[in-house]
Amino acid sequence: MEGLPQDVDSKFRYVLLVAKRAEQLIQGSSAKIRSKFTKPTRIAMEEINRMQIKWHLSKPVEEDTSTEE
């Protein structure tokens, strides 16, 4: 792999996306592409690299950290 796909902003996010998609494939989801690979992780990497998987980043939920006594 030369670099990150265009819409992925960090290596950490790329790893999370690949892991989540690989888990979906293991659980029975069908692949969105025909791949020469057979392992779910490699198929997930190829799908994400080809931008076949849609994802969005949601804002973190802020928790109330104040302590009222």
N, C-alpha and C. Protein backbone atom coordinates (compact mmCIF):
# COMPACT_ATOMS: atom_id res chain seq x y z
N MET A 1 0.85 -1.18 0.00
CA MET A 1 0.00 0.00 0.00
C MET A 1 0.89 1.23 0.00
N GLU A 2 0.64 2.14 -0.89
CA GLU A 2 1.46 3.33 -1.04
C GLU A 2 1.09 4.41 -0.04
N GLY A 3 -0.17 4.64 0.17
CA GLY A 3 -0.63 5.68 1.08
C GLY A 3 -2.05 5.39 1.50
N LEU A 4 -2.61 6.31 2.23
CA LEU A 4 -4.00 6.15 2.69
C LEU A 4 -4.97 6.51 1.58
N PRO A 5 -6.15 5.88 1.58
CA PRO A 5 -7.19 6.30 0.63
C PRO A 5 -7.52 7.77 0.84
N GLN A 6 -8.02 8.39 -0.18
CA GLN A 6 -8.26 9.84 -0.19
C GLN A 6 -9.14 10.32 0.96
N ASP A 7 -10.17 9.59 1.31
CA ASP A 7 -11.11 10.06 2.33
C ASP A 7 -10.77 9.62 3.75
N VAL A 8 -9.66 8.92 3.94
CA VAL A 8 -9.25 8.47 5.28
C VAL A 8 -8.16 9.40 5.79
N ASP A 9 -8.37 9.96 6.98
CA ASP A 9 -7.48 11.01 7.47
C ASP A 9 -6.30 10.54 8.30
N SER A 10 -6.28 9.29 8.74
CA SER A 10 -5.15 8.81 9.55
C SER A 10 -5.02 7.29 9.43
N LYS A 11 -3.84 6.80 9.76
CA LYS A 11 -3.60 5.36 9.75
C LYS A 11 -4.47 4.66 10.79
N PHE A 12 -4.65 5.32 11.92
CA PHE A 12 -5.48 4.76 12.98
C PHE A 12 -6.90 4.54 12.50
N ARG A 13 -7.47 5.55 11.83
CA ARG A 13 -8.84 5.41 11.32
C ARG A 13 -8.91 4.32 10.25
N TYR A 14 -7.88 4.23 9.42
CA TYR A 14 -7.84 3.19 8.39
C TYR A 14 -7.88 1.80 9.02
N VAL A 15 -7.09 1.60 10.05
CA VAL A 15 -7.07 0.30 10.74
C VAL A 15 -8.44 0.01 11.35
N LEU A 16 -9.07 1.01 11.95
CA LEU A 16 -10.40 0.80 12.54
C LEU A 16 -11.43 0.44 11.47
N LEU A 17 -11.38 1.12 10.33
CA LEU A 17 -12.33 0.83 9.24
C LEU A 17 -12.12 -0.58 8.70
N VAL A 18 -10.87 -0.96 8.49
CA VAL A 18 -10.58 -2.29 7.96
C VAL A 18 -11.03 -3.36 8.96
N ALA A 19 -10.76 -3.15 10.23
CA ALA A 19 -11.14 -4.14 11.25
C ALA A 19 -12.67 -4.29 11.31
N LYS A 20 -13.37 -3.17 11.28
CA LYS A 20 -14.84 -3.21 11.35
C LYS A 20 -15.42 -3.92 10.12
N ARG A 21 -14.90 -3.59 8.94
CA ARG A 21 -15.40 -4.21 7.72
C ARG A 21 -15.04 -5.70 7.66
N ALA A 22 -13.84 -6.06 8.10
CA ALA A 22 -13.43 -7.47 8.12
C ALA A 22 -14.35 -8.26 9.05
N GLU A 23 -14.70 -7.69 10.18
CA GLU A 23 -15.62 -8.35 11.10
C GLU A 23 -16.99 -8.57 10.44
N GLN A 24 -17.46 -7.58 9.68
CA GLN A 24 -18.73 -7.73 8.96
C GLN A 24 -18.64 -8.87 7.96
N LEU A 25 -17.52 -8.95 7.25
CA LEU A 25 -17.34 -10.04 6.27
C LEU A 25 -17.31 -11.39 6.96
N ILE A 26 -16.65 -11.47 8.10
CA ILE A 26 -16.59 -12.73 8.86
C ILE A 26 -17.98 -13.14 9.33
N GLN A 27 -18.80 -12.16 9.69
CA GLN A 27 -20.15 -12.44 10.18
C GLN A 27 -21.12 -12.80 9.06
N GLY A 28 -20.68 -12.71 7.79
CA GLY A 28 -21.53 -13.17 6.70
C GLY A 28 -21.89 -12.13 5.66
N SER A 29 -21.48 -10.89 5.80
CA SER A 29 -21.76 -9.89 4.77
C SER A 29 -21.04 -10.28 3.49
N SER A 30 -21.65 -9.95 2.37
CA SER A 30 -20.99 -10.27 1.10
C SER A 30 -20.04 -9.14 0.70
N ALA A 31 -18.97 -9.51 0.04
CA ALA A 31 -17.99 -8.54 -0.41
C ALA A 31 -18.58 -7.67 -1.51
N LYS A 32 -18.19 -6.42 -1.56
CA LYS A 32 -18.70 -5.49 -2.55
C LYS A 32 -17.89 -5.53 -3.84
N ILE A 33 -16.77 -6.24 -3.83
CA ILE A 33 -15.92 -6.35 -5.01
C ILE A 33 -15.48 -7.81 -5.17
N ARG A 34 -15.03 -8.13 -6.36
CA ARG A 34 -14.38 -9.43 -6.59
C ARG A 34 -12.91 -9.21 -6.32
N SER A 35 -12.35 -10.03 -5.48
CA SER A 35 -10.97 -9.84 -5.07
C SER A 35 -10.17 -11.11 -5.30
N LYS A 36 -8.88 -10.94 -5.55
CA LYS A 36 -8.01 -12.11 -5.66
C LYS A 36 -7.66 -12.66 -4.29
N PHE A 37 -7.98 -11.91 -3.24
CA PHE A 37 -7.69 -12.31 -1.88
C PHE A 37 -8.84 -13.14 -1.31
N THR A 38 -8.52 -13.98 -0.33
CA THR A 38 -9.55 -14.80 0.31
C THR A 38 -9.75 -14.43 1.78
N LYS A 39 -8.75 -13.80 2.37
CA LYS A 39 -8.85 -13.43 3.79
C LYS A 39 -9.69 -12.18 3.95
N PRO A 40 -10.60 -12.16 4.93
CA PRO A 40 -11.49 -11.01 5.13
C PRO A 40 -10.77 -9.68 5.33
N THR A 41 -9.63 -9.71 6.00
CA THR A 41 -8.90 -8.47 6.24
C THR A 41 -8.38 -7.88 4.93
N ARG A 42 -7.85 -8.71 4.07
CA ARG A 42 -7.33 -8.22 2.80
C ARG A 42 -8.46 -7.74 1.89
N ILE A 43 -9.59 -8.43 1.92
CA ILE A 43 -10.75 -8.00 1.13
C ILE A 43 -11.23 -6.64 1.64
N ALA A 44 -11.31 -6.49 2.95
CA ALA A 44 -11.73 -5.21 3.55
C ALA A 44 -10.78 -4.08 3.16
N MET A 45 -9.48 -4.36 3.18
CA MET A 45 -8.50 -3.35 2.78
C MET A 45 -8.71 -2.92 1.33
N GLU A 46 -8.94 -3.88 0.46
CA GLU A 46 -9.15 -3.57 -0.95
C GLU A 46 -10.44 -2.78 -1.16
N GLU A 47 -11.51 -3.16 -0.46
CA GLU A 47 -12.77 -2.42 -0.56
C GLU A 47 -12.60 -0.97 -0.13
N ILE A 48 -11.91 -0.76 0.96
CA ILE A 48 -11.72 0.60 1.46
C ILE A 48 -10.80 1.39 0.53
N ASN A 49 -9.75 0.75 0.03
CA ASN A 49 -8.85 1.42 -0.91
C ASN A 49 -9.55 1.83 -2.19
N ARG A 50 -10.53 1.05 -2.62
CA ARG A 50 -11.30 1.37 -3.83
C ARG A 50 -12.51 2.25 -3.52
N MET A 51 -12.63 2.67 -2.27
CA MET A 51 -13.72 3.54 -1.80
C MET A 51 -15.09 2.93 -2.06
N GLN A 52 -15.23 1.63 -1.82
CA GLN A 52 -16.49 0.93 -1.96
C GLN A 52 -17.31 0.93 -0.67
N ILE A 53 -16.68 1.30 0.42
CA ILE A 53 -17.34 1.31 1.73
C ILE A 53 -17.64 2.74 2.12
N LYS A 54 -18.90 3.02 2.39
CA LYS A 54 -19.29 4.36 2.83
C LYS A 54 -19.23 4.43 4.35
N TRP A 55 -18.67 5.51 4.85
CA TRP A 55 -18.58 5.71 6.29
C TRP A 55 -18.62 7.20 6.56
N HIS A 56 -18.95 7.56 7.78
CA HIS A 56 -18.94 8.98 8.17
C HIS A 56 -18.42 9.09 9.60
N LEU A 57 -17.85 10.21 9.89
CA LEU A 57 -17.30 10.48 11.19
C LEU A 57 -18.29 11.34 11.96
N SER A 58 -18.74 10.85 13.10
CA SER A 58 -19.67 11.64 13.91
C SER A 58 -18.90 12.35 15.01
N LYS A 59 -19.46 13.45 15.46
CA LYS A 59 -18.82 14.21 16.52
C LYS A 59 -18.89 13.44 17.83
N PRO A 60 -17.84 13.55 18.65
CA PRO A 60 -17.86 12.85 19.93
C PRO A 60 -18.94 13.42 20.85
N VAL A 61 -19.50 12.58 21.67
CA VAL A 61 -20.52 12.99 22.62
C VAL A 61 -19.81 13.51 23.87
N GLU A 62 -20.15 14.71 24.25
CA GLU A 62 -19.53 15.28 25.44
C GLU A 62 -20.27 14.79 26.68
N GLU A 63 -19.49 14.38 27.66
CA GLU A 63 -20.07 13.90 28.91
C GLU A 63 -19.98 15.01 29.95
N ASP A 64 -20.97 15.06 30.81
CA ASP A 64 -20.96 16.04 31.87
C ASP A 64 -20.00 15.56 32.97
N THR A 65 -18.93 16.31 33.16
CA THR A 65 -17.92 15.91 34.13
C THR A 65 -17.99 16.71 35.42
N SER A 66 -18.96 17.60 35.48
CA SER A 66 -19.07 18.40 36.73
C SER A 66 -19.63 17.54 37.86
N THR A 67 -19.16 17.80 39.05
CA THR A 67 -19.59 17.05 40.22
C THR A 67 -20.43 17.99 41.09
N GLU A 68 -21.69 17.67 41.15
CA GLU A 68 -22.59 18.51 41.97
C GLU A 68 -22.88 17.78 43.27
N GLU A 69 -22.58 18.45 44.38
CA GLU A 69 -22.84 17.84 45.69
C GLU A 69 -23.65 18.77 46.55
